[in-house]
Amino acid sequence: MTIGAVHSAHATSFTVTDTSDSYTQGDGVCSLREAVDTANWNDCWDDCGCGGTGAGEIDYVILASGTTYTLNGVLDIWDPLVLSGNHAVIRGSGADVFNGLRLFAWHYLTDVALENFRVASLVVETGAQVSATGLEVRNNELTPAAGQTSSILVRAGAYLYLNAAYIHHNTRSIKGGGIFIETDGAVVLYASLIESNQVSQYGGGVHNQGHFHCYGDSYIRGNSAGYGGGGVSNVAGAVFDNESCHIIDNTSTRGGANIHP
């Protein structure tokens, strides 16, 4: 299953003009948090405008090309939304331990990078369906004391489709340095690259407890795991569909350097 192109008879667009994580009405600029909350509540905010209220409306949040936006806390998105990244960066402040984006509905992400988070930079929550094109997840130094986490965490009953993703140099996770798929969660990886991620236990690239479909000449390479599955780790009962997916040059201390078991 893939999520198709965006079709909406009515759409509201918010252009983010403030790179900080501000939440001050009337200051003349629209932050990422303000734009998302306006879309979530289908409400009005002086500096951003009004969210769509009609049935089937999808809001668009538009970032400026090459710009870095800082988050000081988790950003929850529960109303259907398109995040148009234009090759911008969403960066965790690094001061505290929090997730980056948590997605709860139907969402489409394009050309955005997520970096410098201490827990998952992207969480696809139960029931959510997310499609991403050109997503980059990089340089997240995770905090093991926060419990099991990963750069991308896909909850049970959630679905994530990744096209042309680049997931790299994420470290200090316990399992699933690039992606952690919970039981009954599903990830489809197409024409993407997962490399140079590191975990202390299993699944340097991907830890799969649900359904992982990797195809379209994707590469999972150069990842490392302390126990097994430097590339991909599959638990008993998980489904792994490998179709023109190249899992090479990964390492692990004990066994199953590329795929475990």
Protein backbone atom coordinates (compact mmCIF):
# COMPACT_ATOMS: atom_id res chain seq x y z
CA MET A 1 0.00 0.00 0.00
CA THR A 2 1.19 3.48 -0.83
CA ILE A 3 -0.43 6.79 -0.14
CA GLY A 4 -1.31 8.54 -3.35
CA ALA A 5 -0.86 12.10 -4.44
CA VAL A 6 -2.59 14.89 -2.58
CA HIS A 7 -6.01 15.76 -3.97
CA SER A 8 -8.14 18.33 -2.17
CA ALA A 9 -10.78 20.65 -3.50
CA HIS A 10 -10.04 23.03 -0.65
CA ALA A 11 -6.66 23.68 0.92
CA THR A 12 -5.19 26.27 3.23
CA SER A 13 -1.49 27.12 3.12
CA PHE A 14 0.64 28.49 5.94
CA THR A 15 4.06 29.92 5.15
CA VAL A 16 6.39 29.68 8.15
CA THR A 17 8.28 32.96 8.59
CA ASP A 18 9.83 32.51 12.05
CA THR A 19 12.71 30.07 12.56
CA SER A 20 12.37 30.03 16.36
CA ASP A 21 9.90 27.95 18.38
CA SER A 22 7.86 30.98 19.38
CA TYR A 23 4.20 30.97 20.36
CA THR A 24 3.30 34.63 20.63
CA GLN A 25 0.21 35.95 18.91
CA GLY A 26 0.55 39.36 17.32
CA ASP A 27 4.32 39.41 16.93
CA GLY A 28 4.02 39.61 13.15
CA VAL A 29 5.67 36.26 12.33
CA CYS A 30 4.38 32.70 11.98
CA SER A 31 6.45 29.93 13.60
CA LEU A 32 6.30 26.25 12.69
CA ARG A 33 4.52 25.45 15.96
CA GLU A 34 1.97 28.23 15.41
CA ALA A 35 1.27 27.07 11.84
CA VAL A 36 0.83 23.43 12.86
CA ASP A 37 -1.42 24.25 15.81
CA THR A 38 -3.57 26.50 13.64
CA ALA A 39 -3.97 23.60 11.23
CA ASN A 40 -4.58 21.11 14.05
CA TRP A 41 -7.40 23.14 15.57
CA ASN A 42 -8.77 24.47 12.25
CA ASP A 43 -8.63 27.82 13.96
CA CYS A 44 -7.26 31.30 13.29
CA TRP A 45 -3.98 32.79 14.48
CA ASP A 46 -3.24 36.45 13.78
CA ASP A 47 0.22 35.84 12.33
CA CYS A 48 -0.54 32.65 10.35
CA GLY A 49 -4.13 32.90 9.11
CA CYS A 50 -6.97 30.39 9.45
CA GLY A 51 -6.97 26.62 9.10
CA GLY A 52 -9.37 24.80 6.80
CA THR A 53 -12.67 23.75 8.32
CA GLY A 54 -14.42 22.00 5.45
CA ALA A 55 -14.77 18.24 5.09
CA GLY A 56 -11.77 16.74 3.34
CA GLU A 57 -9.68 19.89 3.58
CA ILE A 58 -5.93 19.42 3.88
CA ASP A 59 -3.69 22.14 5.24
CA TYR A 60 -0.23 22.86 3.79
CA VAL A 61 2.63 24.09 5.95
CA ILE A 62 5.40 25.54 3.79
CA LEU A 63 8.99 25.99 4.95
CA ALA A 64 11.53 28.30 3.35
CA SER A 65 14.24 26.75 1.21
CA GLY A 66 17.51 26.07 3.01
CA THR A 67 16.26 27.44 6.34
CA THR A 68 16.75 25.82 9.77
CA TYR A 69 13.84 25.80 12.23
CA THR A 70 14.45 25.01 15.90
CA LEU A 71 12.09 23.02 18.15
CA ASN A 72 12.30 23.25 21.93
CA GLY A 73 9.76 20.47 22.49
CA VAL A 74 7.75 17.78 20.73
CA LEU A 75 5.48 18.93 17.87
CA ASP A 76 2.23 16.93 17.65
CA ILE A 77 0.35 16.93 14.34
CA TRP A 78 -3.08 15.31 14.48
CA ASP A 79 -5.01 16.97 11.62
CA PRO A 80 -4.32 15.85 8.01
CA LEU A 81 -1.45 17.98 6.77
CA VAL A 82 1.17 18.34 4.04
CA LEU A 83 4.56 19.57 5.24
CA SER A 84 6.41 21.05 2.28
CA GLY A 85 10.03 21.23 3.39
CA ASN A 86 11.75 22.79 0.36
CA HIS A 87 15.01 21.29 1.69
CA ALA A 88 14.71 23.03 5.05
CA VAL A 89 15.91 21.57 8.36
CA ILE A 90 13.91 20.98 11.56
CA ARG A 91 16.40 20.80 14.40
CA GLY A 92 16.00 19.82 18.03
CA SER A 93 17.42 22.36 20.43
CA GLY A 94 19.46 19.60 22.10
CA ALA A 95 18.85 21.06 25.55
CA ASP A 96 16.20 18.53 26.65
CA VAL A 97 15.05 15.02 25.85
CA PHE A 98 11.96 15.08 23.61
CA ASN A 99 10.62 13.62 20.37
CA GLY A 100 10.61 15.74 17.21
CA LEU A 101 7.46 15.31 15.11
CA ARG A 102 4.66 13.01 16.31
CA LEU A 103 2.13 12.22 13.58
CA PHE A 104 -1.35 10.95 14.36
CA ALA A 105 -3.34 11.10 11.09
CA TRP A 106 -2.77 11.23 7.32
CA HIS A 107 0.35 13.24 6.50
CA TYR A 108 2.66 13.85 3.56
CA LEU A 109 6.20 15.16 4.10
CA THR A 110 8.48 16.41 1.33
CA ASP A 111 12.14 17.40 1.25
CA VAL A 112 12.81 18.09 4.91
CA ALA A 113 15.66 17.08 7.23
CA LEU A 114 15.27 16.18 10.93
CA GLU A 115 18.34 16.43 13.14
CA ASN A 116 19.75 16.79 16.66
CA PHE A 117 16.95 15.11 18.62
CA ARG A 118 17.58 13.04 21.74
CA VAL A 119 14.55 10.77 21.31
CA ALA A 120 12.84 9.82 18.03
CA SER A 121 12.96 12.66 15.51
CA LEU A 122 9.84 11.21 13.84
CA VAL A 123 7.12 9.12 15.52
CA VAL A 124 4.31 7.64 13.43
CA GLU A 125 1.61 6.92 15.98
CA THR A 126 -0.95 4.09 15.96
CA GLY A 127 -3.48 4.53 13.16
CA ALA A 128 -1.45 7.15 11.29
CA GLN A 129 -0.63 6.81 7.59
CA VAL A 130 2.38 8.80 6.48
CA SER A 131 4.10 9.19 3.12
CA ALA A 132 7.45 10.96 2.84
CA THR A 133 9.51 11.91 -0.20
CA GLY A 134 13.02 13.23 0.20
CA LEU A 135 13.05 12.87 3.99
CA GLU A 136 16.50 13.07 5.60
CA VAL A 137 16.99 11.95 9.22
CA ARG A 138 20.52 12.62 10.41
CA ASN A 139 22.86 13.27 13.31
CA ASN A 140 20.48 12.35 16.11
CA GLU A 141 22.44 11.35 19.22
CA LEU A 142 19.76 9.49 21.13
CA THR A 143 19.46 9.17 24.91
CA PRO A 144 19.30 5.51 26.05
CA ALA A 145 18.04 6.57 29.49
CA ALA A 146 14.82 7.70 27.79
CA GLY A 147 13.97 4.04 27.07
CA GLN A 148 13.68 2.29 23.74
CA THR A 149 13.77 4.82 20.96
CA SER A 150 15.02 5.24 17.42
CA SER A 151 15.53 7.99 14.88
CA ILE A 152 12.21 6.95 13.30
CA LEU A 153 9.70 5.08 15.48
CA VAL A 154 6.69 3.42 13.81
CA ARG A 155 4.07 2.37 16.33
CA ALA A 156 1.84 -0.72 16.23
CA GLY A 157 -0.89 -0.24 13.62
CA ALA A 158 0.94 2.67 11.91
CA TYR A 159 2.12 2.85 8.29
CA LEU A 160 5.08 4.74 6.81
CA TYR A 161 6.07 4.93 3.13
CA LEU A 162 9.55 6.33 2.45
CA ASN A 163 10.63 7.37 -1.04
CA ALA A 164 14.15 8.68 -1.63
CA ALA A 165 14.85 8.85 2.10
CA TYR A 166 18.34 9.28 3.52
CA ILE A 167 18.70 8.08 7.12
CA HIS A 168 22.23 8.34 8.43
CA HIS A 169 24.64 8.97 11.30
CA ASN A 170 22.13 8.39 14.09
CA THR A 171 23.75 6.94 17.21
CA ARG A 172 23.34 5.61 20.75
CA SER A 173 19.99 3.87 20.23
CA ILE A 174 19.41 0.48 21.84
CA LYS A 175 17.61 -1.07 18.84
CA GLY A 176 16.77 0.32 15.43
CA GLY A 177 19.29 3.07 14.81
CA GLY A 178 17.52 4.18 11.63
CA ILE A 179 13.99 2.77 12.02
CA PHE A 180 12.23 0.84 14.79
CA ILE A 181 9.02 -0.92 13.64
CA GLU A 182 6.73 -2.09 16.43
CA THR A 183 4.55 -5.20 16.19
CA ASP A 184 1.81 -4.68 13.54
CA GLY A 185 3.53 -1.54 12.31
CA ALA A 186 4.52 -1.35 8.63
CA VAL A 187 7.27 0.43 6.70
CA VAL A 188 7.82 0.47 2.94
CA LEU A 189 11.26 1.70 1.86
CA TYR A 190 11.73 2.63 -1.80
CA ALA A 191 14.84 3.98 -3.56
CA SER A 192 16.32 5.02 -0.23
CA LEU A 193 19.58 4.84 1.71
CA ILE A 194 20.08 3.89 5.37
CA GLU A 195 23.73 4.10 6.38
CA SER A 196 26.19 4.75 9.21
CA ASN A 197 23.73 4.30 12.07
CA GLN A 198 24.76 2.61 15.34
CA VAL A 199 22.97 0.73 18.16
CA SER A 200 24.10 -1.07 21.27
CA GLN A 201 21.98 -4.19 20.65
CA TYR A 202 20.01 -5.10 17.48
CA GLY A 203 19.18 -3.49 14.15
CA GLY A 204 21.73 -0.84 13.36
CA GLY A 205 19.75 0.14 10.27
CA VAL A 206 16.28 -1.28 10.98
CA HIS A 207 14.80 -3.24 13.88
CA ASN A 208 11.68 -4.99 12.61
CA GLN A 209 8.95 -6.35 14.87
CA GLY A 210 6.19 -5.82 12.30
CA HIS A 211 6.29 -5.66 8.49
CA PHE A 212 9.24 -4.22 6.56
CA HIS A 213 9.20 -4.08 2.74
CA CYS A 214 12.45 -2.87 1.18
CA TYR A 215 12.67 -2.48 -2.61
CA GLY A 216 13.49 -0.18 -5.52
CA ASP A 217 17.28 -0.53 -5.24
CA SER A 218 17.36 0.73 -1.68
CA TYR A 219 20.62 0.33 0.24
CA ILE A 220 21.14 -0.48 3.91
CA ARG A 221 24.89 -0.31 4.40
CA GLY A 222 27.64 0.56 6.83
CA ASN A 223 25.46 0.32 9.95
CA SER A 224 26.58 -1.38 13.18
CA ALA A 225 24.97 -3.29 16.04
CA GLY A 226 26.43 -4.55 19.30
CA TYR A 227 24.57 -7.87 19.29
CA GLY A 228 23.25 -8.70 15.80
CA GLY A 229 21.67 -7.37 12.65
CA GLY A 230 23.96 -4.51 11.80
CA GLY A 231 21.75 -3.94 8.77
CA VAL A 232 18.35 -5.41 9.65
CA SER A 233 17.17 -7.28 12.74
CA ASN A 234 13.89 -9.24 12.56
CA VAL A 235 12.18 -10.70 15.62
CA ALA A 236 10.20 -13.96 15.49
CA GLY A 237 6.92 -13.41 13.64
CA ALA A 238 8.05 -10.26 11.83
CA VAL A 239 7.67 -10.06 8.03
CA PHE A 240 10.60 -8.89 5.93
CA ASP A 241 10.07 -8.51 2.17
CA ASN A 242 13.40 -8.02 0.41
CA GLU A 243 12.95 -7.04 -3.22
CA SER A 244 15.98 -5.45 -4.89
CA CYS A 245 17.15 -4.21 -1.51
CA HIS A 246 20.93 -4.20 -1.00
CA ILE A 247 22.00 -4.95 2.57
CA ILE A 248 25.79 -4.84 2.58
CA ASP A 249 28.89 -3.92 4.58
CA ASN A 250 27.14 -3.79 7.94
CA THR A 251 28.81 -5.04 11.13
CA SER A 252 27.86 -6.62 14.45
CA THR A 253 29.88 -7.91 17.36
CA ARG A 254 28.21 -11.32 17.71
CA GLY A 255 26.47 -12.43 14.52
CA GLY A 256 24.24 -11.66 11.57
CA ALA A 257 26.21 -8.66 10.46
CA ASN A 258 23.82 -7.77 7.61
CA ILE A 259 20.58 -9.56 8.58
CA HIS A 260 19.66 -11.15 11.92
CA PRO A 261 18.67 -13.87 12.40
